C-alpha atoms as a PDB file:
ATOM      1  CA  MET A   1     -56.397   8.254   6.820  1.00  0.00           C
ATOM      2  CA  LEU A   2     -57.707   9.467  10.167  1.00  0.00           C
ATOM      3  CA  TYR A   3     -54.651   8.048  11.914  1.00  0.00           C
ATOM      4  CA  ILE A   4     -52.344   9.990   9.595  1.00  0.00           C
ATOM      5  CA  TYR A   5     -54.166  13.228  10.386  1.00  0.00           C
ATOM      6  CA  LEU A   6     -54.005  12.476  14.094  1.00  0.00           C
ATOM      7  CA  LEU A   7     -50.281  11.730  13.862  1.00  0.00           C
ATOM      8  CA  LEU A   8     -49.628  14.918  11.896  1.00  0.00           C
ATOM      9  CA  GLY A   9     -51.687  16.859  14.422  1.00  0.00           C
ATOM     10  CA  LEU A  10     -49.683  15.397  17.297  1.00  0.00           C
ATOM     11  CA  ILE A  11     -46.393  16.223  15.588  1.00  0.00           C
ATOM     12  CA  LEU A  12     -47.568  19.773  14.915  1.00  0.00           C
ATOM     13  CA  PHE A  13     -48.704  20.128  18.522  1.00  0.00           C
ATOM     14  CA  LEU A  14     -45.306  18.960  19.833  1.00  0.00           C
ATOM     15  CA  ILE A  15     -43.427  21.335  17.523  1.00  0.00           C
ATOM     16  CA  ILE A  16     -45.520  24.374  18.425  1.00  0.00           C
ATOM     17  CA  PHE A  17     -46.059  23.799  22.140  1.00  0.00           C
ATOM     18  CA  VAL A  18     -43.022  21.732  23.220  1.00  0.00           C
ATOM     19  CA  PHE A  19     -39.967  21.747  20.936  1.00  0.00           C
ATOM     20  CA  ALA A  20     -40.190  25.369  19.769  1.00  0.00           C
ATOM     21  CA  PRO A  21     -40.626  26.768  23.317  1.00  0.00           C
ATOM     22  CA  ALA A  22     -37.735  24.586  24.524  1.00  0.00           C
ATOM     23  CA  ALA A  23     -35.491  25.941  21.754  1.00  0.00           C
ATOM     24  CA  VAL A  24     -36.510  29.516  22.604  1.00  0.00           C
ATOM     25  CA  CYS A  25     -35.830  28.946  26.304  1.00  0.00           C
ATOM     26  CA  TYR A  26     -32.471  27.314  25.549  1.00  0.00           C
ATOM     27  CA  ARG A  27     -31.417  30.290  23.444  1.00  0.00           C
ATOM     28  CA  SER A  28     -32.687  32.670  26.119  1.00  0.00           C
ATOM     29  CA  VAL A  29     -30.612  30.972  28.822  1.00  0.00           C
ATOM     30  CA  PHE A  30     -27.427  30.165  26.908  1.00  0.00           C
ATOM     31  CA  GLY A  31     -27.448  32.869  24.231  1.00  0.00           C
ATOM     32  CA  ARG A  32     -25.261  35.951  24.209  1.00  0.00           C
ATOM     33  CA  ARG A  33     -25.839  38.231  27.217  1.00  0.00           C
ATOM     34  CA  LYS A  34     -26.385  41.980  27.019  1.00  0.00           C
ATOM     35  CA  THR A  35     -24.686  43.270  30.159  1.00  0.00           C
ATOM     36  CA  LEU A  36     -24.969  46.756  31.608  1.00  0.00           C
ATOM     37  CA  PRO A  37     -22.212  48.705  33.393  1.00  0.00           C
ATOM     38  CA  LEU A  38     -22.574  49.873  36.970  1.00  0.00           C
ATOM     39  CA  ASP A  39     -23.386  53.470  36.095  1.00  0.00           C
ATOM     40  CA  SER A  40     -26.049  52.626  33.512  1.00  0.00           C
ATOM     41  CA  GLU A  41     -29.437  54.110  34.341  1.00  0.00           C
ATOM     42  CA  LYS A  42     -31.014  50.932  32.952  1.00  0.00           C
ATOM     43  CA  LEU A  43     -29.203  48.690  35.424  1.00  0.00           C
ATOM     44  CA  TYR A  44     -31.541  47.750  38.241  1.00  0.00           C
ATOM     45  CA  LYS A  45     -30.777  44.789  40.481  1.00  0.00           C
ATOM     46  CA  PRO A  46     -32.480  45.076  43.874  1.00  0.00           C
ATOM     47  CA  ALA A  47     -29.651  43.303  45.716  1.00  0.00           C
ATOM     48  CA  ILE A  48     -27.011  45.833  44.619  1.00  0.00           C
ATOM     49  CA  GLU A  49     -29.035  49.056  44.816  1.00  0.00           C
ATOM     50  CA  PRO A  50     -28.070  49.867  48.444  1.00  0.00           C
ATOM     51  CA  TYR A  51     -24.378  49.507  47.547  1.00  0.00           C
ATOM     52  CA  LYS A  52     -24.291  50.956  44.052  1.00  0.00           C
ATOM     53  CA  GLU A  53     -22.584  54.250  44.935  1.00  0.00           C
ATOM     54  CA  LYS A  54     -19.886  52.443  46.925  1.00  0.00           C
ATOM     55  CA  MET A  55     -19.355  49.978  44.074  1.00  0.00           C
ATOM     56  CA  ILE A  56     -18.980  52.811  41.552  1.00  0.00           C
ATOM     57  CA  SER A  57     -16.480  54.469  43.904  1.00  0.00           C
ATOM     58  CA  ASP A  58     -14.520  51.198  44.188  1.00  0.00           C
ATOM     59  CA  ARG A  59     -14.554  50.794  40.406  1.00  0.00           C
ATOM     60  CA  ASP A  60     -13.271  54.314  39.849  1.00  0.00           C
ATOM     61  CA  ALA A  61     -10.542  53.848  42.460  1.00  0.00           C
ATOM     62  CA  LEU A  62      -9.410  50.580  40.887  1.00  0.00           C
ATOM     63  CA  GLN A  63      -9.490  51.904  37.335  1.00  0.00           C
ATOM     64  CA  ALA A  64      -7.516  54.980  38.407  1.00  0.00           C
ATOM     65  CA  HIS A  65      -4.478  52.689  38.731  1.00  0.00           C
ATOM     66  CA  GLY A  66      -4.689  51.946  35.017  1.00  0.00           C
ATOM     67  CA  CYS A  67      -5.060  48.546  33.408  1.00  0.00           C
ATOM     68  CA  LYS A  68      -3.932  46.654  30.360  1.00  0.00           C
ATOM     69  CA  ARG A  69      -6.524  44.993  28.138  1.00  0.00           C
ATOM     70  CA  LEU A  70      -5.535  41.355  27.643  1.00  0.00           C
ATOM     71  CA  THR A  71      -6.935  38.907  25.107  1.00  0.00           C
ATOM     72  CA  VAL A  72      -6.591  35.141  24.916  1.00  0.00           C
ATOM     73  CA  THR A  73      -7.974  32.522  22.555  1.00  0.00           C
ATOM     74  CA  ALA A  74     -10.087  29.773  24.082  1.00  0.00           C
ATOM     75  CA  TYR A  75      -9.716  26.119  23.102  1.00  0.00           C
ATOM     76  CA  ASP A  76     -12.514  26.499  20.543  1.00  0.00           C
ATOM     77  CA  GLY A  77     -11.212  29.712  18.990  1.00  0.00           C
ATOM     78  CA  VAL A  78     -13.391  32.184  20.925  1.00  0.00           C
ATOM     79  CA  LYS A  79     -11.597  35.435  21.763  1.00  0.00           C
ATOM     80  CA  LEU A  80     -11.756  36.338  25.446  1.00  0.00           C
ATOM     81  CA  CYS A  81     -10.791  39.638  27.030  1.00  0.00           C
ATOM     82  CA  GLY A  82      -9.906  40.868  30.503  1.00  0.00           C
ATOM     83  CA  ASP A  83      -8.525  43.896  32.342  1.00  0.00           C
ATOM     84  CA  TYR A  84      -5.170  43.403  34.076  1.00  0.00           C
ATOM     85  CA  TYR A  85      -4.180  45.660  36.967  1.00  0.00           C
ATOM     86  CA  ASP A  86      -0.459  45.061  37.413  1.00  0.00           C
ATOM     87  CA  ARG A  87       1.267  46.217  40.562  1.00  0.00           C
ATOM     88  CA  GLY A  88       4.390  44.126  39.965  1.00  0.00           C
ATOM     89  CA  ALA A  89       3.501  41.583  42.640  1.00  0.00           C
ATOM     90  CA  ASP A  90       4.326  37.874  42.615  1.00  0.00           C
ATOM     91  CA  LYS A  91       0.664  37.018  43.254  1.00  0.00           C
ATOM     92  CA  THR A  92      -2.338  37.594  40.998  1.00  0.00           C
ATOM     93  CA  ALA A  93      -6.071  37.280  41.660  1.00  0.00           C
ATOM     94  CA  ILE A  94      -8.178  36.141  38.699  1.00  0.00           C
ATOM     95  CA  MET A  95     -11.713  37.451  39.212  1.00  0.00           C
ATOM     96  CA  ILE A  96     -14.436  35.295  37.595  1.00  0.00           C
ATOM     97  CA  HIS A  97     -17.847  36.940  37.377  1.00  0.00           C
ATOM     98  CA  GLY A  98     -21.384  35.587  37.306  1.00  0.00           C
ATOM     99  CA  TYR A  99     -24.046  34.941  34.718  1.00  0.00           C
ATOM    100  CA  ASN A 100     -25.553  37.829  32.786  1.00  0.00           C
ATOM    101  CA  ALA A 101     -23.380  40.363  34.599  1.00  0.00           C
ATOM    102  CA  ASP A 102     -20.754  42.931  33.777  1.00  0.00           C
ATOM    103  CA  PRO A 103     -17.680  41.713  35.707  1.00  0.00           C
ATOM    104  CA  TYR A 104     -17.349  45.020  37.554  1.00  0.00           C
ATOM    105  CA  VAL A 105     -20.948  44.810  38.758  1.00  0.00           C
ATOM    106  CA  ASN A 106     -20.206  41.467  40.419  1.00  0.00           C
ATOM    107  CA  LEU A 107     -16.616  41.769  41.490  1.00  0.00           C
ATOM    108  CA  VAL A 108     -15.390  45.341  41.715  1.00  0.00           C
ATOM    109  CA  SER A 109     -15.332  45.643  45.513  1.00  0.00           C
ATOM    110  CA  PRO A 110     -13.424  42.408  46.255  1.00  0.00           C
ATOM    111  CA  ALA A 111     -11.164  43.137  43.243  1.00  0.00           C
ATOM    112  CA  LYS A 112     -10.302  46.590  44.597  1.00  0.00           C
ATOM    113  CA  TRP A 113      -9.683  45.158  48.092  1.00  0.00           C
ATOM    114  CA  LEU A 114      -7.374  42.440  46.739  1.00  0.00           C
ATOM    115  CA  PHE A 115      -5.437  45.025  44.731  1.00  0.00           C
ATOM    116  CA  ASP A 116      -5.013  47.117  47.891  1.00  0.00           C
ATOM    117  CA  GLU A 117      -3.851  43.957  49.691  1.00  0.00           C
ATOM    118  CA  GLY A 118      -0.969  43.549  47.237  1.00  0.00           C
ATOM    119  CA  PHE A 119      -2.372  41.335  44.475  1.00  0.00           C
ATOM    120  CA  ASN A 120      -2.198  42.002  40.782  1.00  0.00           C
ATOM    121  CA  VAL A 121      -5.808  41.711  39.630  1.00  0.00           C
ATOM    122  CA  LEU A 122      -7.166  40.240  36.385  1.00  0.00           C
ATOM    123  CA  VAL A 123     -10.863  40.921  35.840  1.00  0.00           C
ATOM    124  CA  ILE A 124     -11.950  38.569  33.058  1.00  0.00           C
ATOM    125  CA  CYS A 125     -15.034  38.785  30.876  1.00  0.00           C
ATOM    126  CA  HIS A 126     -16.801  35.485  30.170  1.00  0.00           C
ATOM    127  CA  ARG A 127     -17.551  34.245  26.681  1.00  0.00           C
ATOM    128  CA  ALA A 128     -20.841  35.590  25.295  1.00  0.00           C
ATOM    129  CA  HIS A 129     -20.618  38.485  27.759  1.00  0.00           C
ATOM    130  CA  GLY A 130     -19.505  42.056  27.198  1.00  0.00           C
ATOM    131  CA  GLU A 131     -16.549  42.466  24.853  1.00  0.00           C
ATOM    132  CA  SER A 132     -15.557  38.793  24.826  1.00  0.00           C
ATOM    133  CA  GLY A 133     -16.562  36.752  21.787  1.00  0.00           C
ATOM    134  CA  GLY A 134     -18.832  33.763  21.489  1.00  0.00           C
ATOM    135  CA  GLU A 135     -22.556  33.322  20.957  1.00  0.00           C
ATOM    136  CA  ARG A 136     -23.178  30.770  23.722  1.00  0.00           C
ATOM    137  CA  CYS A 137     -22.319  30.677  27.405  1.00  0.00           C
ATOM    138  CA  GLY A 138     -22.046  27.388  29.253  1.00  0.00           C
ATOM    139  CA  MET A 139     -23.131  28.305  32.799  1.00  0.00           C
ATOM    140  CA  GLY A 140     -19.686  27.279  34.066  1.00  0.00           C
ATOM    141  CA  LEU A 141     -19.488  23.975  32.169  1.00  0.00           C
ATOM    142  CA  ILE A 142     -17.614  25.562  29.241  1.00  0.00           C
ATOM    143  CA  GLU A 143     -16.124  28.458  31.207  1.00  0.00           C
ATOM    144  CA  LYS A 144     -14.039  26.100  33.346  1.00  0.00           C
ATOM    145  CA  ASN A 145     -11.849  25.537  30.273  1.00  0.00           C
ATOM    146  CA  ASP A 146     -11.655  29.299  29.692  1.00  0.00           C
ATOM    147  CA  VAL A 147     -10.411  29.815  33.253  1.00  0.00           C
ATOM    148  CA  LEU A 148      -7.638  27.295  32.578  1.00  0.00           C
ATOM    149  CA  THR A 149      -6.703  29.284  29.456  1.00  0.00           C
ATOM    150  CA  TRP A 150      -6.411  32.465  31.526  1.00  0.00           C
ATOM    151  CA  LEU A 151      -4.483  30.624  34.249  1.00  0.00           C
ATOM    152  CA  ARG A 152      -1.942  29.276  31.741  1.00  0.00           C
ATOM    153  CA  PHE A 153      -1.571  32.763  30.264  1.00  0.00           C
ATOM    154  CA  ILE A 154      -0.780  34.337  33.653  1.00  0.00           C
ATOM    155  CA  LEU A 155       1.572  31.549  34.746  1.00  0.00           C
ATOM    156  CA  ASP A 156       3.385  31.390  31.407  1.00  0.00           C
ATOM    157  CA  GLU A 157       4.032  35.120  31.662  1.00  0.00           C
ATOM    158  CA  ASN A 158       5.753  34.581  35.021  1.00  0.00           C
ATOM    159  CA  PRO A 159       6.223  30.941  36.136  1.00  0.00           C
ATOM    160  CA  ARG A 160       7.176  32.115  39.642  1.00  0.00           C
ATOM    161  CA  ARG A 161       3.838  33.813  40.177  1.00  0.00           C
ATOM    162  CA  TYR A 162       1.094  32.489  42.467  1.00  0.00           C
ATOM    163  CA  VAL A 163      -2.574  32.784  41.589  1.00  0.00           C
ATOM    164  CA  LEU A 164      -5.766  33.155  43.599  1.00  0.00           C
ATOM    165  CA  LEU A 165      -8.951  32.129  41.782  1.00  0.00           C
ATOM    166  CA  TYR A 166     -12.000  34.081  42.955  1.00  0.00           C
ATOM    167  CA  GLY A 167     -15.369  33.154  41.459  1.00  0.00           C
ATOM    168  CA  MET A 168     -18.783  34.624  42.161  1.00  0.00           C
ATOM    169  CA  SER A 169     -22.161  32.984  41.413  1.00  0.00           C
ATOM    170  CA  MET A 170     -21.677  31.226  38.025  1.00  0.00           C
ATOM    171  CA  GLY A 171     -17.978  32.027  38.419  1.00  0.00           C
ATOM    172  CA  GLY A 172     -17.968  30.230  41.752  1.00  0.00           C
ATOM    173  CA  THR A 173     -19.611  27.160  40.251  1.00  0.00           C
ATOM    174  CA  THR A 174     -17.058  27.310  37.435  1.00  0.00           C
ATOM    175  CA  LEU A 175     -14.321  26.921  40.060  1.00  0.00           C
ATOM    176  CA  ALA A 176     -16.217  24.106  41.769  1.00  0.00           C
ATOM    177  CA  TYR A 177     -16.235  22.236  38.445  1.00  0.00           C
ATOM    178  CA  LEU A 178     -12.434  22.674  38.364  1.00  0.00           C
ATOM    179  CA  SER A 179     -11.835  21.816  42.008  1.00  0.00           C
ATOM    180  CA  ASN A 180     -11.062  18.114  41.534  1.00  0.00           C
ATOM    181  CA  SER A 181      -8.664  18.540  38.604  1.00  0.00           C
ATOM    182  CA  LEU A 182      -6.666  21.679  39.435  1.00  0.00           C
ATOM    183  CA  ASP A 183      -3.488  20.539  41.159  1.00  0.00           C
ATOM    184  CA  ASP A 184      -0.917  23.177  40.119  1.00  0.00           C
ATOM    185  CA  PRO A 185       0.975  24.202  43.302  1.00  0.00           C
ATOM    186  CA  ARG A 186       1.079  27.791  42.040  1.00  0.00           C
ATOM    187  CA  VAL A 187      -2.656  27.998  42.798  1.00  0.00           C
ATOM    188  CA  PRO A 188      -2.599  27.811  46.610  1.00  0.00           C
ATOM    189  CA  CYS A 189      -6.357  28.206  47.169  1.00  0.00           C
ATOM    190  CA  MET A 190      -9.612  29.524  45.734  1.00  0.00           C
ATOM    191  CA  VAL A 191     -12.682  31.492  46.795  1.00  0.00           C
ATOM    192  CA  ILE A 192     -16.217  30.413  45.836  1.00  0.00           C
ATOM    193  CA  ASP A 193     -18.743  33.176  46.468  1.00  0.00           C
ATOM    194  CA  CYS A 194     -22.463  32.190  46.283  1.00  0.00           C
ATOM    195  CA  GLY A 195     -21.973  29.375  43.760  1.00  0.00           C
ATOM    196  CA  TYR A 196     -24.912  27.169  42.769  1.00  0.00           C
ATOM    197  CA  ILE A 197     -24.962  23.366  42.595  1.00  0.00           C
ATOM    198  CA  SER A 198     -26.000  22.758  38.980  1.00  0.00           C
ATOM    199  CA  THR A 199     -27.479  24.576  36.021  1.00  0.00           C
ATOM    200  CA  GLU A 200     -30.505  22.283  36.076  1.00  0.00           C
ATOM    201  CA  ASN A 201     -31.066  23.037  39.741  1.00  0.00           C
ATOM    202  CA  GLN A 202     -30.747  26.763  39.068  1.00  0.00           C
ATOM    203  CA  LEU A 203     -33.145  26.627  36.123  1.00  0.00           C
ATOM    204  CA  ARG A 204     -35.745  24.874  38.260  1.00  0.00           C
ATOM    205  CA  HIS A 205     -35.255  27.491  40.963  1.00  0.00           C
ATOM    206  CA  ASP A 206     -35.635  30.346  38.453  1.00  0.00           C
ATOM    207  CA  ALA A 207     -38.295  28.754  36.216  1.00  0.00           C
ATOM    208  CA  LYS A 208     -41.191  30.795  37.532  1.00  0.00           C
ATOM    209  CA  ARG A 209     -39.272  34.077  37.371  1.00  0.00           C
ATOM    210  CA  MET A 210     -38.130  33.323  33.816  1.00  0.00           C
ATOM    211  CA  HIS A 211     -41.639  32.205  32.739  1.00  0.00           C
ATOM    212  CA  MET A 212     -40.210  28.797  31.859  1.00  0.00           C
ATOM    213  CA  PRO A 213     -42.396  25.690  32.277  1.00  0.00           C
ATOM    214  CA  PRO A 214     -40.340  23.192  34.328  1.00  0.00           C
ATOM    215  CA  LEU A 215     -41.421  20.431  31.928  1.00  0.00           C
ATOM    216  CA  LEU A 216     -39.180  22.011  29.275  1.00  0.00           C
ATOM    217  CA  ILE A 217     -35.997  21.583  31.323  1.00  0.00           C
ATOM    218  CA  PRO A 218     -35.326  17.959  30.191  1.00  0.00           C
ATOM    219  CA  LEU A 219     -35.540  19.162  26.570  1.00  0.00           C
ATOM    220  CA  ILE A 220     -33.227  22.080  27.352  1.00  0.00           C
ATOM    221  CA  ARG A 221     -30.800  19.537  28.779  1.00  0.00           C
ATOM    222  CA  ARG A 222     -30.907  17.561  25.502  1.00  0.00           C
ATOM    223  CA  LEU A 223     -30.294  20.736  23.514  1.00  0.00           C
ATOM    224  CA  GLY A 224     -27.267  21.511  25.704  1.00  0.00           C
ATOM    225  CA  ILE A 225     -25.812  18.055  25.088  1.00  0.00           C
ATOM    226  CA  TRP A 226     -26.400  18.374  21.340  1.00  0.00           C
ATOM    227  CA  ASP A 227     -25.340  21.996  20.908  1.00  0.00           C
ATOM    228  CA  GLN A 228     -22.455  22.455  23.368  1.00  0.00           C
ATOM    229  CA  HIS A 229     -21.736  18.917  24.647  1.00  0.00           C
ATOM    230  CA  ILE A 230     -22.603  19.987  28.200  1.00  0.00           C
ATOM    231  CA  ASP A 231     -24.922  18.332  30.682  1.00  0.00           C
ATOM    232  CA  ILE A 232     -26.814  20.781  32.860  1.00  0.00           C
ATOM    233  CA  ARG A 233     -27.232  18.025  35.471  1.00  0.00           C
ATOM    234  CA  GLU A 234     -23.491  18.101  36.230  1.00  0.00           C
ATOM    235  CA  ARG A 235     -23.189  19.001  39.917  1.00  0.00           C
ATOM    236  CA  SER A 236     -20.600  21.072  41.729  1.00  0.00           C
ATOM    237  CA  ILE A 237     -20.750  18.794  44.761  1.00  0.00           C
ATOM    238  CA  ASP A 238     -19.575  15.783  42.738  1.00  0.00           C
ATOM    239  CA  HIS A 239     -16.371  17.665  41.900  1.00  0.00           C
ATOM    240  CA  LEU A 240     -15.932  19.152  45.365  1.00  0.00           C
ATOM    241  CA  LYS A 241     -15.893  15.644  46.849  1.00  0.00           C
ATOM    242  CA  GLU A 242     -12.396  15.327  45.371  1.00  0.00           C
ATOM    243  CA  ALA A 243     -11.270  18.944  45.731  1.00  0.00           C
ATOM    244  CA  GLN A 244      -7.520  19.497  45.409  1.00  0.00           C
ATOM    245  CA  LYS A 245      -7.239  23.018  46.870  1.00  0.00           C
ATOM    246  CA  PRO A 246      -8.287  24.771  50.084  1.00  0.00           C
ATOM    247  CA  ILE A 247     -11.528  26.656  49.442  1.00  0.00           C
ATOM    248  CA  LEU A 248     -13.119  29.634  51.148  1.00  0.00           C
ATOM    249  CA  PHE A 249     -16.899  29.720  50.649  1.00  0.00           C
ATOM    250  CA  ILE A 250     -18.858  32.977  51.007  1.00  0.00           C
ATOM    251  CA  HIS A 251     -22.646  33.229  51.142  1.00  0.00           C
ATOM    252  CA  GLY A 252     -25.322  35.616  52.369  1.00  0.00           C
ATOM    253  CA  THR A 253     -28.336  34.575  54.413  1.00  0.00           C
ATOM    254  CA  ALA A 254     -30.676  36.690  52.248  1.00  0.00           C
ATOM    255  CA  ASP A 255     -29.571  35.291  48.888  1.00  0.00           C
ATOM    256  CA  LEU A 256     -32.787  34.768  46.928  1.00  0.00           C
ATOM    257  CA  THR A 257     -31.081  33.574  43.731  1.00  0.00           C
ATOM    258  CA  VAL A 258     -28.826  30.866  45.161  1.00  0.00           C
ATOM    259  CA  PRO A 259     -30.128  29.982  48.640  1.00  0.00           C
ATOM    260  CA  LEU A 260     -27.655  29.659  51.503  1.00  0.00           C
ATOM    261  CA  GLU A 261     -28.578  25.975  51.744  1.00  0.00           C
ATOM    262  CA  GLU A 262     -26.834  25.354  48.418  1.00  0.00           C
ATOM    263  CA  GLY A 263     -23.690  27.057  49.673  1.00  0.00           C
ATOM    264  CA  LYS A 264     -23.765  24.838  52.758  1.00  0.00           C
ATOM    265  CA  ARG A 265     -24.144  21.740  50.587  1.00  0.00           C
ATOM    266  CA  ASN A 266     -21.084  22.796  48.595  1.00  0.00           C
ATOM    267  CA  LEU A 267     -19.172  23.284  51.845  1.00  0.00           C
ATOM    268  CA  GLU A 268     -20.218  19.884  53.201  1.00  0.00           C
ATOM    269  CA  ALA A 269     -19.225  18.127  49.984  1.00  0.00           C
ATOM    270  CA  CYS A 270     -15.778  19.733  49.848  1.00  0.00           C
ATOM    271  CA  SER A 271     -13.064  17.238  50.785  1.00  0.00           C
ATOM    272  CA  SER A 272     -10.159  19.710  50.983  1.00  0.00           C
ATOM    273  CA  GLU A 273      -9.385  22.266  53.680  1.00  0.00           C
ATOM    274  CA  LYS A 274     -12.312  24.634  53.815  1.00  0.00           C
ATOM    275  CA  ARG A 275     -13.912  27.548  55.571  1.00  0.00           C
ATOM    276  CA  MET A 276     -17.187  29.407  55.164  1.00  0.00           C
ATOM    277  CA  ILE A 277     -18.108  33.044  55.727  1.00  0.00           C
ATOM    278  CA  ILE A 278     -21.848  33.482  56.285  1.00  0.00           C
ATOM    279  CA  VAL A 279     -22.973  37.090  56.049  1.00  0.00           C
ATOM    280  CA  GLU A 280     -26.198  38.019  57.797  1.00  0.00           C
ATOM    281  CA  ASP A 281     -28.644  39.759  55.416  1.00  0.00           C
ATOM    282  CA  GLY A 282     -26.249  39.377  52.487  1.00  0.00           C
ATOM    283  CA  GLY A 283     -28.017  39.161  49.129  1.00  0.00           C
ATOM    284  CA  HIS A 284     -26.902  37.440  45.944  1.00  0.00           C
ATOM    285  CA  THR A 285     -23.382  38.634  44.969  1.00  0.00           C
ATOM    286  CA  THR A 286     -23.455  41.316  47.701  1.00  0.00           C
ATOM    287  CA  ALA A 287     -22.199  39.483  50.790  1.00  0.00           C
ATOM    288  CA  PHE A 288     -18.898  41.392  50.507  1.00  0.00           C
ATOM    289  CA  GLN A 289     -20.638  44.783  50.420  1.00  0.00           C
ATOM    290  CA  THR A 290     -23.160  43.880  53.134  1.00  0.00           C
ATOM    291  CA  ASN A 291     -20.451  43.365  55.742  1.00  0.00           C
ATOM    292  CA  GLU A 292     -17.104  44.271  54.221  1.00  0.00           C
ATOM    293  CA  LYS A 293     -15.434  44.391  57.636  1.00  0.00           C
ATOM    294  CA  GLN A 294     -16.408  40.797  58.440  1.00  0.00           C
ATOM    295  CA  VAL A 295     -15.581  39.410  54.994  1.00  0.00           C
ATOM    296  CA  THR A 296     -12.197  41.136  54.629  1.00  0.00           C
ATOM    297  CA  ALA A 297     -11.133  40.138  58.146  1.00  0.00           C
ATOM    298  CA  GLU A 298     -11.962  36.465  57.633  1.00  0.00           C
ATOM    299  CA  MET A 299     -10.812  36.338  54.005  1.00  0.00           C
ATOM    300  CA  GLY A 300      -7.562  38.098  54.919  1.00  0.00           C
ATOM    301  CA  GLU A 301      -6.875  35.491  57.596  1.00  0.00           C
ATOM    302  CA  PHE A 302      -7.627  32.689  55.118  1.00  0.00           C
ATOM    303  CA  LEU A 303      -5.394  34.107  52.369  1.00  0.00           C
ATOM    304  CA  ARG A 304      -2.457  34.688  54.739  1.00  0.00           C
ATOM    305  CA  GLN A 305      -2.391  30.943  55.394  1.00  0.00           C
ATOM    306  CA  TYR A 306      -1.694  30.150  51.739  1.00  0.00           C
ATOM    307  CA  PHE A 307       0.052  33.241  50.355  1.00  0.00           C
ATOM    308  CA  LYS A 308       3.097  33.543  52.579  1.00  0.00           C
END
């Protein structure tokens, strides 16, 4: 009888102190995100604070051109939305934002610059973010299929159009996951801005900040496999080893969320034509704002190679 009580006690202990916390952490990481717009008083991200006024100005300037709200249906029925700024060009930039972020917080400055450079611009909103549907995000492992849905939508609308894919943070890793399978000639190149190597790696990096015991991460991985059929161990560098498109990497030296070393590992793994812009003192998702002159000069040179 004692053994039964001990077994029941062990099971209860595991449920309360292991499985339940893992489920809570999984839902916290992959559950629906509550994003805040740039001008929200509640939005405070230290990396963007020095550039917030400029970013709001860029957003207002871009939105002054007017946009069309687009919606597409993902492979699993989730409704996705995006803002399309159409200037009648034969080239479109699809802007793919990061985790837990309003797309304009991440991408407004490069989006505005690309529009001024002659691109139509589509600013998409990830599943489980903002006004897009879905109750789970996939940290790039599901979103790579959503990007393909958007890409087909844009190319079906005009088969003679060329598309630049620009991803930041989780959006950059999303593109890395696509890099070995995307061979459509109408996508001449892509930009990966401060992308991480894997969700597992990122969770371990952020565990202390998120009050998550690292020992729970293997259980979170199992929950991801069971719930969304994704493996958080999947690495960007394994896809980049067979990259099909030229890639421009961007990273700041002061990125505390995704260290520069990870960006360099992505660059080293990439088998296609590649280039890297390293921005001194650039924080996470703010390399463009930190030294816009440097980034636009080097990115402009890169894009002119592939968008004739």
